[in-house]
Amino acid sequence: MFKRRSLFSLNRKMVVFLFMALLLFLFLRLLIYMEYRLRPTFLAAAMFYADNAATEAINEAIYHEVSQSMLYDDLVRIQKDESGRITMAQVNTPEVNRVISLTTLKVQDSLRSLQKEAIKLPLGQALGSYFLADLGPRIPVVIVPVGRVNTDIDDVFEEAGINQTRHKIYLNIIAEIQVVIPFIASSTEVITKVPIAECLYQGDVPDTVINLQFPGQSLPAPLP
């Protein structure tokens, strides 16, 4: 009788052990499957938020440190005749180079500041559901600037009304950042175009204005 009870108890423990082992196996398989399925989606969400954060940091750096004190006349020297008609416009190359250097330094500093504060995204972001987006544990996302920031200046002419032409000057910034989440890291380029100055020309625009060429830039398309 004692042996029968011992055998029954042993068999029950074995069944419980096998059942727990099966549950653990299924749980681990589910975790691996979820990680395989959710990792790319969560990484895409992290890249999206990191791109937005980096773009906002770049725009704020340019707005507060560069464009606030920037005037069109600082970048383009305009000469007029006695009647006030524009006869010539020349790019102020030293000032353009200074703006490019200043922008690059300020953007680099702004991106480095992002590295100090991790973005924490809920795991529900990977499910692609609006209702579940805020659920789940918060996963830290760190933005790390890598490589150097490329900055140049571009411009465009556009019609602004009857016998009026608007000349806009932009800063083009390309920065490479790395998005780091637990056990994953991926790099991406952040491309931003920010207007910094503009001028409205009344009447005919002389060829010397239309053919302005900023350092390292291609000639703007001729006006229609």
C-alpha atoms as a PDB file:
ATOM      1  CA  MET A   1       0.000   0.000   0.000  1.00  0.00           C
ATOM      2  CA  PHE A   2       2.843   2.348   0.886  1.00  0.00           C
ATOM      3  CA  LYS A   3       4.664   1.574  -2.359  1.00  0.00           C
ATOM      4  CA  ARG A   4       1.494   2.206  -4.355  1.00  0.00           C
ATOM      5  CA  ARG A   5       1.055   5.630  -2.747  1.00  0.00           C
ATOM      6  CA  SER A   6       4.696   6.475  -3.303  1.00  0.00           C
ATOM      7  CA  LEU A   7       4.443   5.451  -6.945  1.00  0.00           C
ATOM      8  CA  PHE A   8       1.250   7.473  -7.378  1.00  0.00           C
ATOM      9  CA  SER A   9       2.860  10.498  -5.707  1.00  0.00           C
ATOM     10  CA  LEU A  10       5.933  10.139  -7.913  1.00  0.00           C
ATOM     11  CA  ASN A  11       3.836   9.911 -11.077  1.00  0.00           C
ATOM     12  CA  ARG A  12       1.843  12.985 -10.059  1.00  0.00           C
ATOM     13  CA  LYS A  13       5.008  14.979  -9.444  1.00  0.00           C
ATOM     14  CA  MET A  14       6.302  13.870 -12.814  1.00  0.00           C
ATOM     15  CA  VAL A  15       3.088  14.968 -14.518  1.00  0.00           C
ATOM     16  CA  VAL A  16       3.207  18.344 -12.748  1.00  0.00           C
ATOM     17  CA  PHE A  17       6.877  18.755 -13.683  1.00  0.00           C
ATOM     18  CA  LEU A  18       6.206  17.895 -17.316  1.00  0.00           C
ATOM     19  CA  PHE A  19       3.217  20.245 -17.356  1.00  0.00           C
ATOM     20  CA  MET A  20       5.250  23.114 -15.877  1.00  0.00           C
ATOM     21  CA  ALA A  21       8.092  22.402 -18.304  1.00  0.00           C
ATOM     22  CA  LEU A  22       5.640  22.485 -21.201  1.00  0.00           C
ATOM     23  CA  LEU A  23       4.184  25.783 -19.987  1.00  0.00           C
ATOM     24  CA  LEU A  24       7.671  27.247 -19.641  1.00  0.00           C
ATOM     25  CA  PHE A  25       8.596  26.013 -23.115  1.00  0.00           C
ATOM     26  CA  LEU A  26       5.432  27.512 -24.624  1.00  0.00           C
ATOM     27  CA  PHE A  27       6.011  30.774 -22.748  1.00  0.00           C
ATOM     28  CA  LEU A  28       9.580  31.060 -24.016  1.00  0.00           C
ATOM     29  CA  ARG A  29       8.456  30.238 -27.544  1.00  0.00           C
ATOM     30  CA  LEU A  30       5.803  32.943 -27.260  1.00  0.00           C
ATOM     31  CA  LEU A  31       8.395  35.464 -26.066  1.00  0.00           C
ATOM     32  CA  ILE A  32      10.718  34.602 -28.931  1.00  0.00           C
ATOM     33  CA  TYR A  33       7.865  34.853 -31.427  1.00  0.00           C
ATOM     34  CA  MET A  34       6.684  38.184 -30.004  1.00  0.00           C
ATOM     35  CA  GLU A  35      10.219  39.558 -30.019  1.00  0.00           C
ATOM     36  CA  TYR A  36      10.713  38.440 -33.610  1.00  0.00           C
ATOM     37  CA  ARG A  37       7.408  39.971 -34.676  1.00  0.00           C
ATOM     38  CA  LEU A  38       7.473  43.126 -32.556  1.00  0.00           C
ATOM     39  CA  ARG A  39      11.139  44.104 -32.695  1.00  0.00           C
ATOM     40  CA  PRO A  40      11.045  45.576 -36.257  1.00  0.00           C
ATOM     41  CA  THR A  41       7.788  47.415 -35.529  1.00  0.00           C
ATOM     42  CA  PHE A  42       9.028  48.839 -32.241  1.00  0.00           C
ATOM     43  CA  LEU A  43      12.336  49.825 -33.831  1.00  0.00           C
ATOM     44  CA  ALA A  44      10.418  51.634 -36.602  1.00  0.00           C
ATOM     45  CA  ALA A  45       8.373  53.480 -33.953  1.00  0.00           C
ATOM     46  CA  ALA A  46      11.559  54.387 -32.075  1.00  0.00           C
ATOM     47  CA  MET A  47      13.168  55.646 -35.291  1.00  0.00           C
ATOM     48  CA  PHE A  48      10.093  57.772 -36.010  1.00  0.00           C
ATOM     49  CA  TYR A  49      10.140  59.410 -32.585  1.00  0.00           C
ATOM     50  CA  ALA A  50      13.912  59.854 -32.698  1.00  0.00           C
ATOM     51  CA  ASP A  51      13.689  61.530 -36.114  1.00  0.00           C
ATOM     52  CA  ASN A  52      11.026  63.916 -34.801  1.00  0.00           C
ATOM     53  CA  ALA A  53      13.052  64.707 -31.680  1.00  0.00           C
ATOM     54  CA  ALA A  54      16.224  65.340 -33.687  1.00  0.00           C
ATOM     55  CA  THR A  55      14.392  67.493 -36.251  1.00  0.00           C
ATOM     56  CA  GLU A  56      12.813  69.564 -33.480  1.00  0.00           C
ATOM     57  CA  ALA A  57      16.197  69.992 -31.784  1.00  0.00           C
ATOM     58  CA  ILE A  58      17.780  71.113 -35.062  1.00  0.00           C
ATOM     59  CA  ASN A  59      14.975  73.582 -35.806  1.00  0.00           C
ATOM     60  CA  GLU A  60      15.156  75.089 -32.331  1.00  0.00           C
ATOM     61  CA  ALA A  61      18.938  75.428 -32.529  1.00  0.00           C
ATOM     62  CA  ILE A  62      18.704  77.240 -35.877  1.00  0.00           C
ATOM     63  CA  TYR A  63      15.812  79.446 -34.774  1.00  0.00           C
ATOM     64  CA  HIS A  64      17.362  80.587 -31.494  1.00  0.00           C
ATOM     65  CA  GLU A  65      21.020  80.690 -32.491  1.00  0.00           C
ATOM     66  CA  VAL A  66      21.037  81.565 -36.204  1.00  0.00           C
ATOM     67  CA  SER A  67      17.880  82.799 -37.921  1.00  0.00           C
ATOM     68  CA  GLN A  68      16.769  85.184 -35.152  1.00  0.00           C
ATOM     69  CA  SER A  69      19.678  87.502 -35.899  1.00  0.00           C
ATOM     70  CA  MET A  70      19.948  86.753 -39.614  1.00  0.00           C
ATOM     71  CA  LEU A  71      18.961  89.307 -42.250  1.00  0.00           C
ATOM     72  CA  TYR A  72      18.750  88.923 -45.996  1.00  0.00           C
ATOM     73  CA  ASP A  73      21.183  91.802 -46.440  1.00  0.00           C
ATOM     74  CA  ASP A  74      23.735  89.885 -44.372  1.00  0.00           C
ATOM     75  CA  LEU A  75      23.880  87.143 -46.996  1.00  0.00           C
ATOM     76  CA  VAL A  76      23.237  89.090 -50.191  1.00  0.00           C
ATOM     77  CA  ARG A  77      24.688  92.528 -50.926  1.00  0.00           C
ATOM     78  CA  ILE A  78      22.299  94.573 -53.025  1.00  0.00           C
ATOM     79  CA  GLN A  79      23.240  97.614 -55.103  1.00  0.00           C
ATOM     80  CA  LYS A  80      20.668 100.054 -56.438  1.00  0.00           C
ATOM     81  CA  ASP A  81      20.753 102.923 -58.902  1.00  0.00           C
ATOM     82  CA  GLU A  82      19.589 106.456 -58.232  1.00  0.00           C
ATOM     83  CA  SER A  83      15.965 105.530 -58.913  1.00  0.00           C
ATOM     84  CA  GLY A  84      16.071 102.702 -56.361  1.00  0.00           C
ATOM     85  CA  ARG A  85      16.094  99.959 -58.960  1.00  0.00           C
ATOM     86  CA  ILE A  86      18.214  96.935 -58.068  1.00  0.00           C
ATOM     87  CA  THR A  87      21.136  96.681 -60.443  1.00  0.00           C
ATOM     88  CA  MET A  88      23.245  93.977 -58.851  1.00  0.00           C
ATOM     89  CA  ALA A  89      23.261  91.491 -55.995  1.00  0.00           C
ATOM     90  CA  GLN A  90      26.264  89.545 -54.773  1.00  0.00           C
ATOM     91  CA  VAL A  91      26.588  86.699 -52.309  1.00  0.00           C
ATOM     92  CA  ASN A  92      28.444  87.674 -49.143  1.00  0.00           C
ATOM     93  CA  THR A  93      30.670  84.581 -49.158  1.00  0.00           C
ATOM     94  CA  PRO A  94      32.441  85.172 -45.800  1.00  0.00           C
ATOM     95  CA  GLU A  95      29.099  85.627 -44.040  1.00  0.00           C
ATOM     96  CA  VAL A  96      27.639  82.547 -45.733  1.00  0.00           C
ATOM     97  CA  ASN A  97      30.612  80.461 -44.593  1.00  0.00           C
ATOM     98  CA  ARG A  98      30.259  81.857 -41.070  1.00  0.00           C
ATOM     99  CA  VAL A  99      26.571  80.938 -40.973  1.00  0.00           C
ATOM    100  CA  ILE A 100      27.324  77.414 -42.188  1.00  0.00           C
ATOM    101  CA  SER A 101      30.025  76.922 -39.542  1.00  0.00           C
ATOM    102  CA  LEU A 102      27.864  78.393 -36.779  1.00  0.00           C
ATOM    103  CA  THR A 103      24.893  76.245 -37.772  1.00  0.00           C
ATOM    104  CA  THR A 104      26.984  73.077 -37.822  1.00  0.00           C
ATOM    105  CA  LEU A 105      28.352  73.723 -34.326  1.00  0.00           C
ATOM    106  CA  LYS A 106      24.948  74.606 -32.851  1.00  0.00           C
ATOM    107  CA  VAL A 107      23.268  71.573 -34.404  1.00  0.00           C
ATOM    108  CA  GLN A 108      26.003  69.275 -33.094  1.00  0.00           C
ATOM    109  CA  ASP A 109      25.572  70.697 -29.583  1.00  0.00           C
ATOM    110  CA  SER A 110      21.795  70.343 -29.797  1.00  0.00           C
ATOM    111  CA  LEU A 111      22.004  66.702 -30.907  1.00  0.00           C
ATOM    112  CA  ARG A 112      24.479  65.886 -28.130  1.00  0.00           C
ATOM    113  CA  SER A 113      21.999  67.223 -25.594  1.00  0.00           C
ATOM    114  CA  LEU A 114      19.442  64.641 -26.777  1.00  0.00           C
ATOM    115  CA  GLN A 115      21.796  61.859 -25.705  1.00  0.00           C
ATOM    116  CA  LYS A 116      21.406  62.885 -22.044  1.00  0.00           C
ATOM    117  CA  GLU A 117      17.677  62.184 -21.946  1.00  0.00           C
ATOM    118  CA  ALA A 118      16.272  58.859 -23.110  1.00  0.00           C
ATOM    119  CA  ILE A 119      12.865  58.742 -24.775  1.00  0.00           C
ATOM    120  CA  LYS A 120      10.686  56.119 -23.094  1.00  0.00           C
ATOM    121  CA  LEU A 121       8.181  54.475 -25.401  1.00  0.00           C
ATOM    122  CA  PRO A 122       5.519  52.009 -24.233  1.00  0.00           C
ATOM    123  CA  LEU A 123       5.814  48.557 -25.726  1.00  0.00           C
ATOM    124  CA  GLY A 124       2.252  48.935 -27.015  1.00  0.00           C
ATOM    125  CA  GLN A 125       3.640  51.221 -29.740  1.00  0.00           C
ATOM    126  CA  ALA A 126       4.809  48.072 -31.504  1.00  0.00           C
ATOM    127  CA  LEU A 127       1.286  46.661 -31.738  1.00  0.00           C
ATOM    128  CA  GLY A 128       0.156  49.314 -34.196  1.00  0.00           C
ATOM    129  CA  SER A 129      -3.102  49.828 -32.321  1.00  0.00           C
ATOM    130  CA  TYR A 130      -4.363  53.245 -31.283  1.00  0.00           C
ATOM    131  CA  PHE A 131      -6.063  51.858 -28.152  1.00  0.00           C
ATOM    132  CA  LEU A 132      -3.052  49.808 -27.008  1.00  0.00           C
ATOM    133  CA  ALA A 133      -0.368  52.363 -27.873  1.00  0.00           C
ATOM    134  CA  ASP A 134       0.117  53.497 -24.254  1.00  0.00           C
ATOM    135  CA  LEU A 135       0.138  50.017 -22.718  1.00  0.00           C
ATOM    136  CA  GLY A 136       3.060  47.877 -21.679  1.00  0.00           C
ATOM    137  CA  PRO A 137       6.407  48.590 -20.045  1.00  0.00           C
ATOM    138  CA  ARG A 138       8.332  51.717 -21.032  1.00  0.00           C
ATOM    139  CA  ILE A 139      11.348  50.922 -23.198  1.00  0.00           C
ATOM    140  CA  PRO A 140      14.205  53.487 -23.146  1.00  0.00           C
ATOM    141  CA  VAL A 141      15.272  54.878 -26.518  1.00  0.00           C
ATOM    142  CA  VAL A 142      18.593  56.735 -26.665  1.00  0.00           C
ATOM    143  CA  ILE A 143      19.564  59.054 -29.534  1.00  0.00           C
ATOM    144  CA  VAL A 144      23.296  59.168 -30.259  1.00  0.00           C
ATOM    145  CA  PRO A 145      24.751  61.551 -32.887  1.00  0.00           C
ATOM    146  CA  VAL A 146      27.234  59.772 -35.124  1.00  0.00           C
ATOM    147  CA  GLY A 147      29.411  61.160 -37.874  1.00  0.00           C
ATOM    148  CA  ARG A 148      29.432  64.842 -38.675  1.00  0.00           C
ATOM    149  CA  VAL A 149      26.684  67.302 -39.520  1.00  0.00           C
ATOM    150  CA  ASN A 150      26.566  68.454 -43.141  1.00  0.00           C
ATOM    151  CA  THR A 151      25.270  71.982 -43.651  1.00  0.00           C
ATOM    152  CA  ASP A 152      24.840  74.019 -46.811  1.00  0.00           C
ATOM    153  CA  ILE A 153      22.738  76.887 -48.096  1.00  0.00           C
ATOM    154  CA  ASP A 154      20.162  76.729 -50.840  1.00  0.00           C
ATOM    155  CA  ASP A 155      17.877  79.311 -52.399  1.00  0.00           C
ATOM    156  CA  VAL A 156      14.800  79.503 -54.580  1.00  0.00           C
ATOM    157  CA  PHE A 157      12.975  82.188 -56.562  1.00  0.00           C
ATOM    158  CA  GLU A 158       9.184  82.127 -56.774  1.00  0.00           C
ATOM    159  CA  GLU A 159       6.411  84.389 -57.993  1.00  0.00           C
ATOM    160  CA  ALA A 160       4.784  86.381 -55.207  1.00  0.00           C
ATOM    161  CA  GLY A 161       2.181  88.379 -57.096  1.00  0.00           C
ATOM    162  CA  ILE A 162       1.920  90.784 -59.996  1.00  0.00           C
ATOM    163  CA  ASN A 163       5.412  91.893 -60.991  1.00  0.00           C
ATOM    164  CA  GLN A 164       6.858  90.580 -57.725  1.00  0.00           C
ATOM    165  CA  THR A 165       9.444  87.879 -57.058  1.00  0.00           C
ATOM    166  CA  ARG A 166      10.318  86.374 -53.693  1.00  0.00           C
ATOM    167  CA  HIS A 167      13.843  85.111 -53.076  1.00  0.00           C
ATOM    168  CA  LYS A 168      14.074  82.598 -50.209  1.00  0.00           C
ATOM    169  CA  ILE A 169      17.262  81.316 -48.620  1.00  0.00           C
ATOM    170  CA  TYR A 170      17.327  77.997 -46.774  1.00  0.00           C
ATOM    171  CA  LEU A 171      19.705  76.035 -44.602  1.00  0.00           C
ATOM    172  CA  ASN A 172      19.950  72.368 -45.506  1.00  0.00           C
ATOM    173  CA  ILE A 173      21.112  70.134 -42.663  1.00  0.00           C
ATOM    174  CA  ILE A 174      21.881  66.432 -42.879  1.00  0.00           C
ATOM    175  CA  ALA A 175      22.786  64.723 -39.615  1.00  0.00           C
ATOM    176  CA  GLU A 176      23.313  61.045 -38.900  1.00  0.00           C
ATOM    177  CA  ILE A 177      21.987  59.691 -35.619  1.00  0.00           C
ATOM    178  CA  GLN A 178      21.932  56.259 -34.040  1.00  0.00           C
ATOM    179  CA  VAL A 179      18.834  54.992 -32.263  1.00  0.00           C
ATOM    180  CA  VAL A 180      19.675  52.634 -29.404  1.00  0.00           C
ATOM    181  CA  ILE A 181      17.128  50.426 -27.651  1.00  0.00           C
ATOM    182  CA  PRO A 182      17.928  47.359 -25.508  1.00  0.00           C
ATOM    183  CA  PHE A 183      20.012  44.934 -27.591  1.00  0.00           C
ATOM    184  CA  ILE A 184      19.345  46.881 -30.827  1.00  0.00           C
ATOM    185  CA  ALA A 185      21.000  49.860 -32.512  1.00  0.00           C
ATOM    186  CA  SER A 186      20.200  51.352 -35.903  1.00  0.00           C
ATOM    187  CA  SER A 187      21.393  54.465 -37.736  1.00  0.00           C
ATOM    188  CA  THR A 188      19.383  56.924 -39.802  1.00  0.00           C
ATOM    189  CA  GLU A 189      19.797  60.292 -41.504  1.00  0.00           C
ATOM    190  CA  VAL A 190      17.847  63.319 -40.357  1.00  0.00           C
ATOM    191  CA  ILE A 191      17.316  65.771 -43.225  1.00  0.00           C
ATOM    192  CA  THR A 192      16.005  69.239 -42.412  1.00  0.00           C
ATOM    193  CA  LYS A 193      15.414  72.322 -44.549  1.00  0.00           C
ATOM    194  CA  VAL A 194      14.912  75.571 -42.627  1.00  0.00           C
ATOM    195  CA  PRO A 195      14.200  79.036 -44.145  1.00  0.00           C
ATOM    196  CA  ILE A 196      16.452  81.722 -42.681  1.00  0.00           C
ATOM    197  CA  ALA A 197      15.923  84.818 -44.861  1.00  0.00           C
ATOM    198  CA  GLU A 198      13.881  86.142 -47.761  1.00  0.00           C
ATOM    199  CA  CYS A 199      13.476  89.242 -49.867  1.00  0.00           C
ATOM    200  CA  LEU A 200      10.659  90.490 -52.068  1.00  0.00           C
ATOM    201  CA  TYR A 201      11.812  92.064 -55.338  1.00  0.00           C
ATOM    202  CA  GLN A 202       9.503  94.578 -56.990  1.00  0.00           C
ATOM    203  CA  GLY A 203       9.536  94.849 -60.768  1.00  0.00           C
ATOM    204  CA  ASP A 204      12.054  93.170 -63.024  1.00  0.00           C
ATOM    205  CA  VAL A 205      14.725  91.103 -61.340  1.00  0.00           C
ATOM    206  CA  PRO A 206      18.132  91.677 -62.937  1.00  0.00           C
ATOM    207  CA  ASP A 207      20.128  88.724 -64.224  1.00  0.00           C
ATOM    208  CA  THR A 208      22.778  89.270 -61.568  1.00  0.00           C
ATOM    209  CA  VAL A 209      20.156  88.430 -58.934  1.00  0.00           C
ATOM    210  CA  ILE A 210      18.730  85.452 -60.789  1.00  0.00           C
ATOM    211  CA  ASN A 211      22.213  83.971 -61.225  1.00  0.00           C
ATOM    212  CA  LEU A 212      23.176  84.146 -57.576  1.00  0.00           C
ATOM    213  CA  GLN A 213      25.271  81.157 -56.585  1.00  0.00           C
ATOM    214  CA  PHE A 214      25.948  80.224 -52.983  1.00  0.00           C
ATOM    215  CA  PRO A 215      29.182  78.411 -52.116  1.00  0.00           C
ATOM    216  CA  GLY A 216      28.905  74.799 -53.114  1.00  0.00           C
ATOM    217  CA  GLN A 217      25.430  75.260 -54.603  1.00  0.00           C
ATOM    218  CA  SER A 218      24.078  74.828 -58.096  1.00  0.00           C
ATOM    219  CA  LEU A 219      22.543  77.806 -59.881  1.00  0.00           C
ATOM    220  CA  PRO A 220      18.844  78.378 -59.179  1.00  0.00           C
ATOM    221  CA  ALA A 221      16.434  77.750 -62.011  1.00  0.00           C
ATOM    222  CA  PRO A 222      15.608  80.844 -64.081  1.00  0.00           C
ATOM    223  CA  LEU A 223      12.341  82.577 -63.424  1.00  0.00           C
ATOM    224  CA  PRO A 224       9.415  81.648 -65.681  1.00  0.00           C
END
